PDB file of N, CA and C in Angstrom:
ATOM      1  N   UNK A   1     102.751 -52.675-106.515  1.00  0.00           N
ATOM      2  CA  UNK A   1     102.086 -53.530-107.312  1.00  0.00           C
ATOM      3  C   UNK A   1     100.793 -53.479-107.714  1.00  0.00           C
ATOM      4  N   UNK A   2     100.222 -53.344-109.096  1.00  0.00           N
ATOM      5  CA  UNK A   2      98.922 -52.786-109.672  1.00  0.00           C
ATOM      6  C   UNK A   2      98.300 -54.099-109.828  1.00  0.00           C
ATOM      7  N   UNK A   3      97.138 -54.648-109.271  1.00  0.00           N
ATOM      8  CA  UNK A   3      96.330 -55.598-109.514  1.00  0.00           C
ATOM      9  C   UNK A   3      95.064 -55.203-110.574  1.00  0.00           C
ATOM     10  N   UNK A   4      95.112 -56.060-111.911  1.00  0.00           N
ATOM     11  CA  UNK A   4      93.776 -55.888-112.865  1.00  0.00           C
ATOM     12  C   UNK A   4      92.828 -56.740-112.055  1.00  0.00           C
ATOM     13  N   UNK A   5      91.812 -56.005-111.965  1.00  0.00           N
ATOM     14  CA  UNK A   5      90.227 -56.972-111.619  1.00  0.00           C
ATOM     15  C   UNK A   5      89.763 -57.303-112.902  1.00  0.00           C
ATOM     16  N   UNK A   6      89.285 -58.427-113.183  1.00  0.00           N
ATOM     17  CA  UNK A   6      88.658 -58.849-114.370  1.00  0.00           C
ATOM     18  C   UNK A   6      87.154 -59.395-114.062  1.00  0.00           C
ATOM     19  N   UNK A   7      86.427 -59.171-114.878  1.00  0.00           N
ATOM     20  CA  UNK A   7      85.307 -60.239-114.608  1.00  0.00           C
ATOM     21  C   UNK A   7      85.206 -61.547-115.339  1.00  0.00           C
ATOM     22  N   UNK A   8      84.774 -62.541-114.385  1.00  0.00           N
ATOM     23  CA  UNK A   8      84.501 -63.859-115.012  1.00  0.00           C
ATOM     24  C   UNK A   8      83.256 -64.227-116.086  1.00  0.00           C
ATOM     25  N   UNK A   9      82.500 -63.061-115.770  1.00  0.00           N
ATOM     26  CA  UNK A   9      81.373 -63.658-116.813  1.00  0.00           C
ATOM     27  C   UNK A   9      80.750 -62.324-117.471  1.00  0.00           C
ATOM     28  N   UNK A  10      79.985 -62.481-118.573  1.00  0.00           N
ATOM     29  CA  UNK A  10      79.579 -61.197-119.403  1.00  0.00           C
ATOM     30  C   UNK A  10      78.234 -60.756-118.345  1.00  0.00           C
ATOM     31  N   UNK A  11      77.850 -59.500-118.286  1.00  0.00           N
ATOM     32  CA  UNK A  11      76.672 -59.129-117.680  1.00  0.00           C
ATOM     33  C   UNK A  11      76.616 -57.703-118.001  1.00  0.00           C
ATOM     34  N   UNK A  12      75.388 -57.029-117.013  1.00  0.00           N
ATOM     35  CA  UNK A  12      75.084 -55.542-117.504  1.00  0.00           C
ATOM     36  C   UNK A  12      75.724 -55.185-115.752  1.00  0.00           C
ATOM     37  N   UNK A  13      75.982 -54.086-115.816  1.00  0.00           N
ATOM     38  CA  UNK A  13      76.698 -53.496-114.250  1.00  0.00           C
ATOM     39  C   UNK A  13      75.276 -53.089-113.816  1.00  0.00           C
ATOM     40  N   UNK A  14      74.675 -53.421-112.800  1.00  0.00           N
ATOM     41  CA  UNK A  14      73.410 -53.004-111.923  1.00  0.00           C
ATOM     42  C   UNK A  14      73.967 -51.921-110.966  1.00  0.00           C
ATOM     43  N   UNK A  15      75.073 -51.989-110.123  1.00  0.00           N
ATOM     44  CA  UNK A  15      75.525 -51.400-109.145  1.00  0.00           C
ATOM     45  C   UNK A  15      77.116 -51.182-109.142  1.00  0.00           C
ATOM     46  N   UNK A  16      77.577 -50.314-108.711  1.00  0.00           N
ATOM     47  CA  UNK A  16      79.045 -50.075-108.454  1.00  0.00           C
ATOM     48  C   UNK A  16      79.083 -49.602-107.090  1.00  0.00           C
ATOM     49  N   UNK A  17      79.577 -50.274-106.145  1.00  0.00           N
ATOM     50  CA  UNK A  17      80.094 -50.527-104.897  1.00  0.00           C
ATOM     51  C   UNK A  17      81.019 -49.319-104.313  1.00  0.00           C
ATOM     52  N   UNK A  18      81.977 -49.171-105.034  1.00  0.00           N
ATOM     53  CA  UNK A  18      83.129 -48.245-104.513  1.00  0.00           C
ATOM     54  C   UNK A  18      83.543 -46.805-105.641  1.00  0.00           C
ATOM     55  N   UNK A  19      84.137 -46.462-105.192  1.00  0.00           N
ATOM     56  CA  UNK A  19      84.812 -45.177-105.709  1.00  0.00           C
ATOM     57  C   UNK A  19      86.375 -45.284-106.060  1.00  0.00           C
ATOM     58  N   UNK A  20      86.737 -44.532-107.080  1.00  0.00           N
ATOM     59  CA  UNK A  20      88.366 -44.383-107.184  1.00  0.00           C
ATOM     60  C   UNK A  20      88.823 -43.729-106.047  1.00  0.00           C
ATOM     61  N   UNK A  21      89.999 -44.390-105.501  1.00  0.00           N
ATOM     62  CA  UNK A  21      90.494 -43.542-104.446  1.00  0.00           C
ATOM     63  C   UNK A  21      90.037 -44.348-103.079  1.00  0.00           C
ATOM     64  N   UNK A  22      89.072 -45.320-103.042  1.00  0.00           N
ATOM     65  CA  UNK A  22      88.603 -45.749-101.885  1.00  0.00           C
ATOM     66  C   UNK A  22      89.599 -47.260-101.564  1.00  0.00           C
ATOM     67  N   UNK A  23      89.636 -47.133-100.265  1.00  0.00           N
ATOM     68  CA  UNK A  23      90.492 -48.533 -99.668  1.00  0.00           C
ATOM     69  C   UNK A  23      89.238 -49.999 -99.933  1.00  0.00           C
ATOM     70  N   UNK A  24      89.948 -50.823-100.152  1.00  0.00           N
ATOM     71  CA  UNK A  24      89.377 -52.073-100.034  1.00  0.00           C
ATOM     72  C   UNK A  24      89.685 -53.203 -99.541  1.00  0.00           C
ATOM     73  N   UNK A  25      89.463 -54.076 -99.106  1.00  0.00           N
ATOM     74  CA  UNK A  25      89.958 -55.062 -98.376  1.00  0.00           C
ATOM     75  C   UNK A  25      89.553 -56.468 -99.281  1.00  0.00           C
ATOM     76  N   UNK A  26      90.368 -57.543 -99.132  1.00  0.00           N
ATOM     77  CA  UNK A  26      90.185 -59.013 -99.862  1.00  0.00           C
ATOM     78  C   UNK A  26      88.741 -59.137 -99.697  1.00  0.00           C
ATOM     79  N   UNK A  27      88.148 -59.847-100.719  1.00  0.00           N
ATOM     80  CA  UNK A  27      86.809 -59.886-100.890  1.00  0.00           C
ATOM     81  C   UNK A  27      85.513 -59.249-100.672  1.00  0.00           C
ATOM     82  N   UNK A  28      86.031 -57.596-100.888  1.00  0.00           N
ATOM     83  CA  UNK A  28      84.946 -56.453-100.942  1.00  0.00           C
ATOM     84  C   UNK A  28      84.357 -57.055-101.908  1.00  0.00           C
ATOM     85  N   UNK A  29      83.150 -56.483-101.940  1.00  0.00           N
ATOM     86  CA  UNK A  29      82.152 -56.229-103.610  1.00  0.00           C
ATOM     87  C   UNK A  29      82.284 -54.985-104.069  1.00  0.00           C
ATOM     88  N   UNK A  30      83.005 -54.925-105.170  1.00  0.00           N
ATOM     89  CA  UNK A  30      83.213 -53.934-106.152  1.00  0.00           C
ATOM     90  C   UNK A  30      81.840 -53.619-107.030  1.00  0.00           C
ATOM     91  N   UNK A  31      81.169 -54.528-107.486  1.00  0.00           N
ATOM     92  CA  UNK A  31      80.015 -54.431-108.309  1.00  0.00           C
ATOM     93  C   UNK A  31      79.276 -55.491-107.954  1.00  0.00           C
ATOM     94  N   UNK A  32      77.908 -55.055-108.998  1.00  0.00           N
ATOM     95  CA  UNK A  32      77.054 -56.207-108.971  1.00  0.00           C
ATOM     96  C   UNK A  32      76.613 -56.463-110.441  1.00  0.00           C
ATOM     97  N   UNK A  33      76.861 -57.381-110.986  1.00  0.00           N
ATOM     98  CA  UNK A  33      76.199 -57.798-112.493  1.00  0.00           C
ATOM     99  C   UNK A  33      75.050 -58.518-112.406  1.00  0.00           C
ATOM    100  N   UNK A  34      74.249 -58.061-113.805  1.00  0.00           N
ATOM    101  CA  UNK A  34      73.089 -58.832-113.986  1.00  0.00           C
ATOM    102  C   UNK A  34      73.497 -59.910-114.888  1.00  0.00           C
ATOM    103  N   UNK A  35      73.418 -61.043-114.790  1.00  0.00           N
ATOM    104  CA  UNK A  35      73.509 -62.177-115.903  1.00  0.00           C
ATOM    105  C   UNK A  35      72.555 -63.115-116.084  1.00  0.00           C
ATOM    106  N   UNK A  36      72.613 -63.921-117.382  1.00  0.00           N
ATOM    107  CA  UNK A  36      71.543 -64.670-117.474  1.00  0.00           C
ATOM    108  C   UNK A  36      71.189 -65.799-116.303  1.00  0.00           C
ATOM    109  N   UNK A  37      71.942 -65.900-115.693  1.00  0.00           N
ATOM    110  CA  UNK A  37      71.574 -66.889-114.397  1.00  0.00           C
ATOM    111  C   UNK A  37      71.136 -66.113-113.007  1.00  0.00           C
ATOM    112  N   UNK A  38      71.232 -64.758-112.971  1.00  0.00           N
ATOM    113  CA  UNK A  38      70.655 -64.282-112.090  1.00  0.00           C
ATOM    114  C   UNK A  38      71.988 -62.836-111.378  1.00  0.00           C
ATOM    115  N   UNK A  39      71.802 -62.219-110.384  1.00  0.00           N
ATOM    116  CA  UNK A  39      72.959 -61.391-110.162  1.00  0.00           C
ATOM    117  C   UNK A  39      74.273 -61.666-109.679  1.00  0.00           C
ATOM    118  N   UNK A  40      75.621 -61.352-109.824  1.00  0.00           N
ATOM    119  CA  UNK A  40      76.794 -62.121-109.674  1.00  0.00           C
ATOM    120  C   UNK A  40      77.772 -61.100-108.901  1.00  0.00           C
ATOM    121  N   UNK A  41      78.097 -61.050-107.703  1.00  0.00           N
ATOM    122  CA  UNK A  41      78.816 -60.285-107.338  1.00  0.00           C
ATOM    123  C   UNK A  41      80.350 -59.944-108.192  1.00  0.00           C
ATOM    124  N   UNK A  42      80.802 -58.884-108.185  1.00  0.00           N
ATOM    125  CA  UNK A  42      82.155 -58.822-108.495  1.00  0.00           C
ATOM    126  C   UNK A  42      82.999 -58.663-107.313  1.00  0.00           C
ATOM    127  N   UNK A  43      83.911 -59.070-107.067  1.00  0.00           N
ATOM    128  CA  UNK A  43      84.743 -58.912-105.771  1.00  0.00           C
ATOM    129  C   UNK A  43      86.330 -59.124-105.777  1.00  0.00           C
ATOM    130  N   UNK A  44      86.814 -58.303-105.086  1.00  0.00           N
ATOM    131  CA  UNK A  44      88.283 -57.871-105.290  1.00  0.00           C
ATOM    132  C   UNK A  44      89.129 -59.218-104.436  1.00  0.00           C
ATOM    133  N   UNK A  45      90.201 -59.476-105.071  1.00  0.00           N
ATOM    134  CA  UNK A  45      90.705 -60.532-104.338  1.00  0.00           C
ATOM    135  C   UNK A  45      92.002 -60.157-103.734  1.00  0.00           C
ATOM    136  N   UNK A  46      92.286 -58.816-103.651  1.00  0.00           N
ATOM    137  CA  UNK A  46      93.468 -58.433-102.907  1.00  0.00           C
ATOM    138  C   UNK A  46      92.903 -57.096-102.423  1.00  0.00           C
ATOM    139  N   UNK A  47      93.752 -56.766-101.260  1.00  0.00           N
ATOM    140  CA  UNK A  47      93.179 -55.171-100.710  1.00  0.00           C
ATOM    141  C   UNK A  47      93.948 -54.393-101.049  1.00  0.00           C
ATOM    142  N   UNK A  48      93.582 -53.168-101.064  1.00  0.00           N
ATOM    143  CA  UNK A  48      94.605 -52.178-101.734  1.00  0.00           C
ATOM    144  C   UNK A  48      93.804 -50.612-102.025  1.00  0.00           C
ATOM    145  N   UNK A  49      94.085 -50.188-102.585  1.00  0.00           N
ATOM    146  CA  UNK A  49      93.452 -48.690-103.101  1.00  0.00           C
ATOM    147  C   UNK A  49      92.787 -48.868-104.648  1.00  0.00           C
ATOM    148  N   UNK A  50      91.667 -48.552-104.726  1.00  0.00           N
ATOM    149  CA  UNK A  50      91.118 -48.301-106.338  1.00  0.00           C
ATOM    150  C   UNK A  50      91.686 -47.357-106.921  1.00  0.00           C
ATOM    151  N   UNK A  51      92.667 -47.471-107.953  1.00  0.00           N
ATOM    152  CA  UNK A  51      93.168 -46.678-108.568  1.00  0.00           C
ATOM    153  C   UNK A  51      92.439 -46.181-109.805  1.00  0.00           C
ATOM    154  N   UNK A  52      92.015 -46.895-110.355  1.00  0.00           N
ATOM    155  CA  UNK A  52      91.225 -46.654-111.853  1.00  0.00           C
ATOM    156  C   UNK A  52      89.809 -47.727-111.547  1.00  0.00           C
ATOM    157  N   UNK A  53      88.716 -46.939-111.868  1.00  0.00           N
ATOM    158  CA  UNK A  53      87.411 -47.853-112.030  1.00  0.00           C
ATOM    159  C   UNK A  53      86.758 -47.641-113.442  1.00  0.00           C
ATOM    160  N   UNK A  54      86.209 -48.684-114.069  1.00  0.00           N
ATOM    161  CA  UNK A  54      86.036 -48.893-115.348  1.00  0.00           C
ATOM    162  C   UNK A  54      84.481 -49.291-115.598  1.00  0.00           C
ATOM    163  N   UNK A  55      83.943 -49.198-114.382  1.00  0.00           N
ATOM    164  CA  UNK A  55      82.392 -49.642-114.351  1.00  0.00           C
ATOM    165  C   UNK A  55      81.386 -48.276-114.462  1.00  0.00           C
ATOM    166  N   UNK A  56      80.512 -48.831-115.404  1.00  0.00           N
ATOM    167  CA  UNK A  56      79.360 -47.794-115.318  1.00  0.00           C
ATOM    168  C   UNK A  56      78.075 -48.610-115.327  1.00  0.00           C
ATOM    169  N   UNK A  57      77.204 -48.302-114.481  1.00  0.00           N
ATOM    170  CA  UNK A  57      75.860 -48.815-113.970  1.00  0.00           C
ATOM    171  C   UNK A  57      75.279 -48.694-115.511  1.00  0.00           C
ATOM    172  N   UNK A  58      74.673 -50.062-116.058  1.00  0.00           N
ATOM    173  CA  UNK A  58      73.838 -50.203-117.114  1.00  0.00           C
ATOM    174  C   UNK A  58      74.389 -50.377-118.505  1.00  0.00           C
ATOM    175  N   UNK A  59      76.121 -50.554-118.412  1.00  0.00           N
ATOM    176  CA  UNK A  59      76.821 -50.878-119.318  1.00  0.00           C
ATOM    177  C   UNK A  59      77.216 -51.994-119.237  1.00  0.00           C
ATOM    178  N   UNK A  60      77.065 -52.995-120.651  1.00  0.00           N
ATOM    179  CA  UNK A  60      77.285 -54.593-120.507  1.00  0.00           C
ATOM    180  C   UNK A  60      78.278 -54.550-120.836  1.00  0.00           C
ATOM    181  N   UNK A  61      79.217 -55.789-120.130  1.00  0.00           N
ATOM    182  CA  UNK A  61      80.498 -55.936-120.256  1.00  0.00           C
ATOM    183  C   UNK A  61      80.738 -57.599-120.452  1.00  0.00           C
ATOM    184  N   UNK A  62      81.923 -57.833-121.037  1.00  0.00           N
ATOM    185  CA  UNK A  62      82.508 -59.049-121.657  1.00  0.00           C
ATOM    186  C   UNK A  62      83.096 -59.685-120.467  1.00  0.00           C
ATOM    187  N   UNK A  63      83.325 -61.280-120.305  1.00  0.00           N
ATOM    188  CA  UNK A  63      83.831 -62.123-119.519  1.00  0.00           C
ATOM    189  C   UNK A  63      85.158 -61.608-120.087  1.00  0.00           C
ATOM    190  N   UNK A  64      86.020 -61.616-118.745  1.00  0.00           N
ATOM    191  CA  UNK A  64      87.522 -61.174-119.125  1.00  0.00           C
ATOM    192  C   UNK A  64      87.772 -59.502-118.860  1.00  0.00           C
ATOM    193  N   UNK A  65      87.279 -58.907-119.149  1.00  0.00           N
ATOM    194  CA  UNK A  65      86.962 -57.779-118.990  1.00  0.00           C
ATOM    195  C   UNK A  65      87.644 -56.549-117.706  1.00  0.00           C
ATOM    196  N   UNK A  66      88.857 -56.020-117.756  1.00  0.00           N
ATOM    197  CA  UNK A  66      89.604 -55.251-116.683  1.00  0.00           C
ATOM    198  C   UNK A  66      88.212 -54.231-116.183  1.00  0.00           C
ATOM    199  N   UNK A  67      87.910 -54.574-114.822  1.00  0.00           N
ATOM    200  CA  UNK A  67      86.894 -53.598-114.680  1.00  0.00           C
ATOM    201  C   UNK A  67      87.522 -52.483-113.410  1.00  0.00           C
ATOM    202  N   UNK A  68      88.984 -52.868-113.040  1.00  0.00           N
ATOM    203  CA  UNK A  68      89.236 -51.886-111.811  1.00  0.00           C
ATOM    204  C   UNK A  68      90.788 -52.527-111.995  1.00  0.00           C
ATOM    205  N   UNK A  69      91.308 -51.179-111.229  1.00  0.00           N
ATOM    206  CA  UNK A  69      93.034 -51.384-110.939  1.00  0.00           C
ATOM    207  C   UNK A  69      93.062 -51.238-109.713  1.00  0.00           C
ATOM    208  N   UNK A  70      93.846 -52.200-109.089  1.00  0.00           N
ATOM    209  CA  UNK A  70      93.889 -51.720-107.411  1.00  0.00           C
ATOM    210  C   UNK A  70      95.187 -51.882-107.092  1.00  0.00           C
ATOM    211  N   UNK A  71      95.743 -50.708-106.369  1.00  0.00           N
ATOM    212  CA  UNK A  71      97.225 -50.652-106.251  1.00  0.00           C
ATOM    213  C   UNK A  71      97.484 -51.318-104.657  1.00  0.00           C
ATOM    214  N   UNK A  72      98.077 -52.681-104.807  1.00  0.00           N
ATOM    215  CA  UNK A  72      98.371 -53.353-103.525  1.00  0.00           C
ATOM    216  C   UNK A  72      99.459 -52.625-102.584  1.00  0.00           C
ATOM    217  N   UNK A  73     100.143 -51.618-103.180  1.00  0.00           N
ATOM    218  CA  UNK A  73     101.224 -51.410-102.142  1.00  0.00           C
ATOM    219  C   UNK A  73     100.872 -50.128-100.892  1.00  0.00           C
TER     220      UNK A  73
END
């Protein structure tokens, strides 16, 4: 099963903490966003392998944007 990781808030990507193909655990930080209220961590809610990563440092993203696909199998 593939999980779509979405961001809850709009912001600018300041740091990407993982690479495609990397194993992640539940609650691992995927990236950091700069928002109007300060830095926000983007964390995964499921363990698995990062199959696709759509984050680029410096890029602004909207709330609800899919930022990664994580293979839970």
